[in-house]
Amino acid sequence: MRTCRWDFISENRAGFGVQRICPVLQVLRSGYYQWLAGVRTCTVRQAAEDELVAEISEVHTAHKGTYGGRRVHAELRS
C-alpha cells in the first residue's frame, strides 16, 4: 500500500508539490525522499548488474560455451 502512495507522490509532485501531497496522504516527506533515494540506488545497481551479465555472456559465447564459472571469472578479472 505504501509503495502506491510513493508512486502517486512521484507522479503528481510537479503539479502539487511534495509538501502539499504528503500531509494529505498522511506520510512524512522524509519517508518519501528515503524511498526515492532507494529507487535510484536500485536502478544504478540493476544497470551495473545488467552490464556484468552482458560481459559474462560475451566471454561464454566467445569461447563457444566451453568456459565454466571459474574460467569466466578468471577471464573477467584479467
PDB file of N, CA and C in Angstrom:
ATOM      1  N   MET A   1       0.826  -1.196   0.000  1.00  0.00           N
ATOM      2  CA  MET A   1       0.000   0.000   0.000  1.00  0.00           C
ATOM      3  C   MET A   1       0.863   1.249   0.000  1.00  0.00           C
ATOM      4  N   ARG A   2       1.923   1.244   0.801  1.00  0.00           N
ATOM      5  CA  ARG A   2       2.794   2.424   0.882  1.00  0.00           C
ATOM      6  C   ARG A   2       3.443   2.742  -0.454  1.00  0.00           C
ATOM      7  N   THR A   3       3.858   1.721  -1.187  1.00  0.00           N
ATOM      8  CA  THR A   3       4.507   1.959  -2.466  1.00  0.00           C
ATOM      9  C   THR A   3       3.579   2.722  -3.401  1.00  0.00           C
ATOM     10  N   CYS A   4       2.306   2.424  -3.361  1.00  0.00           N
ATOM     11  CA  CYS A   4       1.342   3.144  -4.196  1.00  0.00           C
ATOM     12  C   CYS A   4       1.321   4.621  -3.837  1.00  0.00           C
ATOM     13  N   ARG A   5       1.445   4.913  -2.545  1.00  0.00           N
ATOM     14  CA  ARG A   5       1.480   6.312  -2.124  1.00  0.00           C
ATOM     15  C   ARG A   5       2.711   7.006  -2.681  1.00  0.00           C
ATOM     16  N   TRP A   6       3.840   6.343  -2.575  1.00  0.00           N
ATOM     17  CA  TRP A   6       5.077   6.955  -3.076  1.00  0.00           C
ATOM     18  C   TRP A   6       4.996   7.172  -4.588  1.00  0.00           C
ATOM     19  N   ASP A   7       4.462   6.194  -5.293  1.00  0.00           N
ATOM     20  CA  ASP A   7       4.296   6.339  -6.743  1.00  0.00           C
ATOM     21  C   ASP A   7       3.366   7.504  -7.068  1.00  0.00           C
ATOM     22  N   PHE A   8       2.288   7.629  -6.314  1.00  0.00           N
ATOM     23  CA  PHE A   8       1.342   8.725  -6.524  1.00  0.00           C
ATOM     24  C   PHE A   8       2.038  10.071  -6.316  1.00  0.00           C
ATOM     25  N   ILE A   9       2.832  10.172  -5.263  1.00  0.00           N
ATOM     26  CA  ILE A   9       3.546  11.424  -4.995  1.00  0.00           C
ATOM     27  C   ILE A   9       4.502  11.731  -6.145  1.00  0.00           C
ATOM     28  N   SER A  10       5.225  10.735  -6.616  1.00  0.00           N
ATOM     29  CA  SER A  10       6.176  10.946  -7.720  1.00  0.00           C
ATOM     30  C   SER A  10       5.472  11.430  -8.984  1.00  0.00           C
ATOM     31  N   GLU A  11       4.318  10.852  -9.255  1.00  0.00           N
ATOM     32  CA  GLU A  11       3.589  11.214 -10.470  1.00  0.00           C
ATOM     33  C   GLU A  11       2.969  12.610 -10.396  1.00  0.00           C
ATOM     34  N   ASN A  12       2.638  13.075  -9.196  1.00  0.00           N
ATOM     35  CA  ASN A  12       1.909  14.333  -9.050  1.00  0.00           C
ATOM     36  C   ASN A  12       2.690  15.457  -8.382  1.00  0.00           C
ATOM     37  N   ARG A  13       3.946  15.240  -8.086  1.00  0.00           N
ATOM     38  CA  ARG A  13       4.704  16.268  -7.369  1.00  0.00           C
ATOM     39  C   ARG A  13       4.934  17.529  -8.185  1.00  0.00           C
ATOM     40  N   ALA A  14       4.989  17.416  -9.498  1.00  0.00           N
ATOM     41  CA  ALA A  14       5.183  18.607 -10.336  1.00  0.00           C
ATOM     42  C   ALA A  14       3.967  19.533 -10.255  1.00  0.00           C
ATOM     43  N   GLY A  15       2.794  18.962 -10.208  1.00  0.00           N
ATOM     44  CA  GLY A  15       1.582  19.759 -10.183  1.00  0.00           C
ATOM     45  C   GLY A  15       1.203  20.299  -8.814  1.00  0.00           C
ATOM     46  N   PHE A  16       1.450  19.505  -7.764  1.00  0.00           N
ATOM     47  CA  PHE A  16       1.000  19.888  -6.429  1.00  0.00           C
ATOM     48  C   PHE A  16       2.131  20.137  -5.446  1.00  0.00           C
ATOM     49  N   GLY A  17       3.253  19.497  -5.653  1.00  0.00           N
ATOM     50  CA  GLY A  17       4.377  19.629  -4.731  1.00  0.00           C
ATOM     51  C   GLY A  17       4.320  18.576  -3.635  1.00  0.00           C
ATOM     52  N   VAL A  18       5.478  18.093  -3.273  1.00  0.00           N
ATOM     53  CA  VAL A  18       5.590  17.056  -2.250  1.00  0.00           C
ATOM     54  C   VAL A  18       5.083  17.582  -0.905  1.00  0.00           C
ATOM     55  N   GLN A  19       5.377  18.837  -0.617  1.00  0.00           N
ATOM     56  CA  GLN A  19       4.997  19.432   0.661  1.00  0.00           C
ATOM     57  C   GLN A  19       3.481  19.442   0.862  1.00  0.00           C
ATOM     58  N   ARG A  20       2.721  19.572  -0.202  1.00  0.00           N
ATOM     59  CA  ARG A  20       1.254  19.569  -0.096  1.00  0.00           C
ATOM     60  C   ARG A  20       0.676  18.161  -0.066  1.00  0.00           C
ATOM     61  N   ILE A  21       1.241  17.268  -0.867  1.00  0.00           N
ATOM     62  CA  ILE A  21       0.674  15.927  -1.009  1.00  0.00           C
ATOM     63  C   ILE A  21       0.887  15.075   0.243  1.00  0.00           C
ATOM     64  N   CYS A  22       2.067  15.151   0.836  1.00  0.00           N
ATOM     65  CA  CYS A  22       2.399  14.270   1.963  1.00  0.00           C
ATOM     66  C   CYS A  22       1.424  14.380   3.133  1.00  0.00           C
ATOM     67  N   PRO A  23       1.063  15.574   3.587  1.00  0.00           N
ATOM     68  CA  PRO A  23       0.100  15.631   4.699  1.00  0.00           C
ATOM     69  C   PRO A  23      -1.270  15.052   4.343  1.00  0.00           C
ATOM     70  N   VAL A  24      -1.685  15.228   3.101  1.00  0.00           N
ATOM     71  CA  VAL A  24      -2.983  14.689   2.674  1.00  0.00           C
ATOM     72  C   VAL A  24      -2.967  13.163   2.737  1.00  0.00           C
ATOM     73  N   LEU A  25      -1.847  12.565   2.347  1.00  0.00           N
ATOM     74  CA  LEU A  25      -1.724  11.105   2.365  1.00  0.00           C
ATOM     75  C   LEU A  25      -1.247  10.574   3.709  1.00  0.00           C
ATOM     76  N   GLN A  26      -0.995  11.464   4.634  1.00  0.00           N
ATOM     77  CA  GLN A  26      -0.536  11.123   5.978  1.00  0.00           C
ATOM     78  C   GLN A  26       0.778  10.347   5.967  1.00  0.00           C
ATOM     79  N   VAL A  27       1.728  10.856   5.196  1.00  0.00           N
ATOM     80  CA  VAL A  27       3.078  10.297   5.164  1.00  0.00           C
ATOM     81  C   VAL A  27       4.070  11.435   5.375  1.00  0.00           C
ATOM     82  N   LEU A  28       5.251  11.086   5.802  1.00  0.00           N
ATOM     83  CA  LEU A  28       6.289  12.088   6.021  1.00  0.00           C
ATOM     84  C   LEU A  28       7.060  12.345   4.728  1.00  0.00           C
ATOM     85  N   ARG A  29       7.421  13.604   4.540  1.00  0.00           N
ATOM     86  CA  ARG A  29       8.232  13.933   3.368  1.00  0.00           C
ATOM     87  C   ARG A  29       9.562  13.193   3.413  1.00  0.00           C
ATOM     88  N   SER A  30      10.138  13.082   4.599  1.00  0.00           N
ATOM     89  CA  SER A  30      11.417  12.381   4.729  1.00  0.00           C
ATOM     90  C   SER A  30      11.293  10.927   4.274  1.00  0.00           C
ATOM     91  N   GLY A  31      10.165  10.305   4.561  1.00  0.00           N
ATOM     92  CA  GLY A  31       9.937   8.935   4.108  1.00  0.00           C
ATOM     93  C   GLY A  31       9.891   8.839   2.597  1.00  0.00           C
ATOM     94  N   TYR A  32       9.243   9.821   1.986  1.00  0.00           N
ATOM     95  CA  TYR A  32       9.185   9.840   0.519  1.00  0.00           C
ATOM     96  C   TYR A  32      10.581   9.979  -0.062  1.00  0.00           C
ATOM     97  N   TYR A  33      11.377  10.894   0.489  1.00  0.00           N
ATOM     98  CA  TYR A  33      12.721  11.108  -0.045  1.00  0.00           C
ATOM     99  C   TYR A  33      13.636   9.914   0.213  1.00  0.00           C
ATOM    100  N   GLN A  34      13.441   9.212   1.305  1.00  0.00           N
ATOM    101  CA  GLN A  34      14.189   7.972   1.548  1.00  0.00           C
ATOM    102  C   GLN A  34      13.816   6.922   0.512  1.00  0.00           C
ATOM    103  N   TRP A  35      12.539   6.797   0.236  1.00  0.00           N
ATOM    104  CA  TRP A  35      12.077   5.840  -0.772  1.00  0.00           C
ATOM    105  C   TRP A  35      12.659   6.193  -2.135  1.00  0.00           C
ATOM    106  N   LEU A  36      12.648   7.475  -2.466  1.00  0.00           N
ATOM    107  CA  LEU A  36      13.164   7.935  -3.749  1.00  0.00           C
ATOM    108  C   LEU A  36      14.650   7.620  -3.885  1.00  0.00           C
ATOM    109  N   ALA A  37      15.413   7.822  -2.822  1.00  0.00           N
ATOM    110  CA  ALA A  37      16.843   7.500  -2.843  1.00  0.00           C
ATOM    111  C   ALA A  37      17.053   6.004  -3.040  1.00  0.00           C
ATOM    112  N   GLY A  38      16.208   5.197  -2.417  1.00  0.00           N
ATOM    113  CA  GLY A  38      16.307   3.748  -2.574  1.00  0.00           C
ATOM    114  C   GLY A  38      16.015   3.296  -3.986  1.00  0.00           C
ATOM    115  N   VAL A  39      15.045   3.926  -4.613  1.00  0.00           N
ATOM    116  CA  VAL A  39      14.702   3.591  -6.001  1.00  0.00           C
ATOM    117  C   VAL A  39      15.875   3.906  -6.913  1.00  0.00           C
ATOM    118  N   ARG A  40      16.494   5.040  -6.697  1.00  0.00           N
ATOM    119  CA  ARG A  40      17.648   5.435  -7.522  1.00  0.00           C
ATOM    120  C   ARG A  40      18.799   4.470  -7.331  1.00  0.00           C
ATOM    121  N   THR A  41      19.038   4.066  -6.092  1.00  0.00           N
ATOM    122  CA  THR A  41      20.113   3.128  -5.802  1.00  0.00           C
ATOM    123  C   THR A  41      19.857   1.796  -6.496  1.00  0.00           C
ATOM    124  N   CYS A  42      18.632   1.325  -6.433  1.00  0.00           N
ATOM    125  CA  CYS A  42      18.282   0.063  -7.093  1.00  0.00           C
ATOM    126  C   CYS A  42      18.462   0.147  -8.593  1.00  0.00           C
ATOM    127  N   THR A  43      18.130   1.281  -9.173  1.00  0.00           N
ATOM    128  CA  THR A  43      18.269   1.468 -10.612  1.00  0.00           C
ATOM    129  C   THR A  43      19.735   1.409 -11.025  1.00  0.00           C
ATOM    130  N   VAL A  44      20.590   2.068 -10.263  1.00  0.00           N
ATOM    131  CA  VAL A  44      22.029   2.060 -10.552  1.00  0.00           C
ATOM    132  C   VAL A  44      22.588   0.655 -10.406  1.00  0.00           C
ATOM    133  N   ARG A  45      22.188  -0.032  -9.332  1.00  0.00           N
ATOM    134  CA  ARG A  45      22.666  -1.390  -9.092  1.00  0.00           C
ATOM    135  C   ARG A  45      22.217  -2.327 -10.205  1.00  0.00           C
ATOM    136  N   GLN A  46      20.971  -2.185 -10.658  1.00  0.00           N
ATOM    137  CA  GLN A  46      20.451  -3.050 -11.716  1.00  0.00           C
ATOM    138  C   GLN A  46      21.199  -2.818 -13.026  1.00  0.00           C
ATOM    139  N   ALA A  47      21.531  -1.565 -13.329  1.00  0.00           N
ATOM    140  CA  ALA A  47      22.279  -1.255 -14.545  1.00  0.00           C
ATOM    141  C   ALA A  47      23.662  -1.902 -14.505  1.00  0.00           C
ATOM    142  N   ALA A  48      24.323  -1.841 -13.351  1.00  0.00           N
ATOM    143  CA  ALA A  48      25.634  -2.468 -13.208  1.00  0.00           C
ATOM    144  C   ALA A  48      25.535  -3.983 -13.348  1.00  0.00           C
ATOM    145  N   GLU A  49      24.492  -4.556 -12.787  1.00  0.00           N
ATOM    146  CA  GLU A  49      24.295  -5.996 -12.880  1.00  0.00           C
ATOM    147  C   GLU A  49      24.020  -6.426 -14.323  1.00  0.00           C
ATOM    148  N   ASP A  50      23.217  -5.662 -15.044  1.00  0.00           N
ATOM    149  CA  ASP A  50      22.929  -5.970 -16.448  1.00  0.00           C
ATOM    150  C   ASP A  50      24.198  -5.913 -17.291  1.00  0.00           C
ATOM    151  N   GLU A  51      25.051  -4.940 -16.998  1.00  0.00           N
ATOM    152  CA  GLU A  51      26.318  -4.812 -17.723  1.00  0.00           C
ATOM    153  C   GLU A  51      27.208  -6.027 -17.467  1.00  0.00           C
ATOM    154  N   LEU A  52      27.266  -6.474 -16.220  1.00  0.00           N
ATOM    155  CA  LEU A  52      28.077  -7.636 -15.876  1.00  0.00           C
ATOM    156  C   LEU A  52      27.552  -8.897 -16.557  1.00  0.00           C
ATOM    157  N   VAL A  53      26.250  -9.068 -16.586  1.00  0.00           N
ATOM    158  CA  VAL A  53      25.655 -10.228 -17.250  1.00  0.00           C
ATOM    159  C   VAL A  53      26.004 -10.231 -18.735  1.00  0.00           C
ATOM    160  N   ALA A  54      25.990  -9.061 -19.347  1.00  0.00           N
ATOM    161  CA  ALA A  54      26.357  -8.962 -20.766  1.00  0.00           C
ATOM    162  C   ALA A  54      27.815  -9.363 -20.975  1.00  0.00           C
ATOM    163  N   GLU A  55      28.702  -8.923 -20.085  1.00  0.00           N
ATOM    164  CA  GLU A  55      30.119  -9.294 -20.197  1.00  0.00           C
ATOM    165  C   GLU A  55      30.307 -10.799 -20.027  1.00  0.00           C
ATOM    166  N   ILE A  56      29.611 -11.379 -19.069  1.00  0.00           N
ATOM    167  CA  ILE A  56      29.709 -12.819 -18.847  1.00  0.00           C
ATOM    168  C   ILE A  56      29.234 -13.575 -20.083  1.00  0.00           C
ATOM    169  N   SER A  57      28.146 -13.130 -20.671  1.00  0.00           N
ATOM    170  CA  SER A  57      27.626 -13.774 -21.881  1.00  0.00           C
ATOM    171  C   SER A  57      28.619 -13.670 -23.037  1.00  0.00           C
ATOM    172  N   GLU A  58      29.258 -12.517 -23.172  1.00  0.00           N
ATOM    173  CA  GLU A  58      30.251 -12.338 -24.233  1.00  0.00           C
ATOM    174  C   GLU A  58      31.412 -13.311 -24.072  1.00  0.00           C
ATOM    175  N   VAL A  59      31.937 -13.416 -22.854  1.00  0.00           N
ATOM    176  CA  VAL A  59      33.062 -14.327 -22.603  1.00  0.00           C
ATOM    177  C   VAL A  59      32.634 -15.764 -22.873  1.00  0.00           C
ATOM    178  N   HIS A  60      31.474 -16.141 -22.385  1.00  0.00           N
ATOM    179  CA  HIS A  60      30.991 -17.506 -22.571  1.00  0.00           C
ATOM    180  C   HIS A  60      30.787 -17.818 -24.054  1.00  0.00           C
ATOM    181  N   THR A  61      30.218 -16.876 -24.771  1.00  0.00           N
ATOM    182  CA  THR A  61      29.972 -17.070 -26.204  1.00  0.00           C
ATOM    183  C   THR A  61      31.280 -17.076 -26.997  1.00  0.00           C
ATOM    184  N   ALA A  62      32.204 -16.207 -26.627  1.00  0.00           N
ATOM    185  CA  ALA A  62      33.494 -16.131 -27.343  1.00  0.00           C
ATOM    186  C   ALA A  62      34.257 -17.450 -27.255  1.00  0.00           C
ATOM    187  N   HIS A  63      34.037 -18.200 -26.219  1.00  0.00           N
ATOM    188  CA  HIS A  63      34.727 -19.478 -26.058  1.00  0.00           C
ATOM    189  C   HIS A  63      33.799 -20.657 -26.344  1.00  0.00           C
ATOM    190  N   LYS A  64      32.805 -20.384 -27.168  1.00  0.00           N
ATOM    191  CA  LYS A  64      31.877 -21.396 -27.686  1.00  0.00           C
ATOM    192  C   LYS A  64      31.189 -22.210 -26.589  1.00  0.00           C
ATOM    193  N   GLY A  65      30.923 -21.552 -25.475  1.00  0.00           N
ATOM    194  CA  GLY A  65      30.180 -22.198 -24.406  1.00  0.00           C
ATOM    195  C   GLY A  65      30.967 -23.218 -23.619  1.00  0.00           C
ATOM    196  N   THR A  66      32.292 -23.263 -23.812  1.00  0.00           N
ATOM    197  CA  THR A  66      33.093 -24.265 -23.105  1.00  0.00           C
ATOM    198  C   THR A  66      33.613 -23.771 -21.767  1.00  0.00           C
ATOM    199  N   TYR A  67      33.623 -22.470 -21.552  1.00  0.00           N
ATOM    200  CA  TYR A  67      34.106 -21.926 -20.288  1.00  0.00           C
ATOM    201  C   TYR A  67      33.025 -22.035 -19.219  1.00  0.00           C
ATOM    202  N   GLY A  68      33.425 -22.545 -18.078  1.00  0.00           N
ATOM    203  CA  GLY A  68      32.533 -22.602 -16.938  1.00  0.00           C
ATOM    204  C   GLY A  68      32.725 -21.373 -16.060  1.00  0.00           C
ATOM    205  N   GLY A  69      32.184 -21.428 -14.894  1.00  0.00           N
ATOM    206  CA  GLY A  69      32.216 -20.287 -13.987  1.00  0.00           C
ATOM    207  C   GLY A  69      33.608 -19.839 -13.601  1.00  0.00           C
ATOM    208  N   ARG A  70      34.493 -20.804 -13.320  1.00  0.00           N
ATOM    209  CA  ARG A  70      35.849 -20.447 -12.895  1.00  0.00           C
ATOM    210  C   ARG A  70      36.626 -19.749 -14.014  1.00  0.00           C
ATOM    211  N   ARG A  71      36.537 -20.284 -15.208  1.00  0.00           N
ATOM    212  CA  ARG A  71      37.268 -19.679 -16.325  1.00  0.00           C
ATOM    213  C   ARG A  71      36.675 -18.322 -16.699  1.00  0.00           C
ATOM    214  N   VAL A  72      35.366 -18.209 -16.683  1.00  0.00           N
ATOM    215  CA  VAL A  72      34.730 -16.922 -16.981  1.00  0.00           C
ATOM    216  C   VAL A  72      35.169 -15.898 -15.945  1.00  0.00           C
ATOM    217  N   HIS A  73      35.199 -16.285 -14.683  1.00  0.00           N
ATOM    218  CA  HIS A  73      35.639 -15.388 -13.609  1.00  0.00           C
ATOM    219  C   HIS A  73      37.086 -14.938 -13.833  1.00  0.00           C
ATOM    220  N   ALA A  74      37.942 -15.880 -14.170  1.00  0.00           N
ATOM    221  CA  ALA A  74      39.347 -15.561 -14.428  1.00  0.00           C
ATOM    222  C   ALA A  74      39.483 -14.626 -15.625  1.00  0.00           C
ATOM    223  N   GLU A  75      38.697 -14.852 -16.642  1.00  0.00           N
ATOM    224  CA  GLU A  75      38.724 -14.008 -17.852  1.00  0.00           C
ATOM    225  C   GLU A  75      38.262 -12.593 -17.519  1.00  0.00           C
ATOM    226  N   LEU A  76      37.246 -12.474 -16.719  1.00  0.00           N
ATOM    227  CA  LEU A  76      36.755 -11.156 -16.355  1.00  0.00           C
ATOM    228  C   LEU A  76      37.751 -10.391 -15.483  1.00  0.00           C
ATOM    229  N   ARG A  77      38.500 -11.104 -14.680  1.00  0.00           N
ATOM    230  CA  ARG A  77      39.476 -10.442 -13.807  1.00  0.00           C
ATOM    231  C   ARG A  77      40.707  -9.991 -14.560  1.00  0.00           C
ATOM    232  N   SER A  78      40.996 -10.582 -15.700  1.00  0.00           N
ATOM    233  CA  SER A  78      42.216 -10.208 -16.450  1.00  0.00           C
ATOM    234  C   SER A  78      42.010  -8.996 -17.314  1.00  0.00           C
TER     235      SER A  78
END
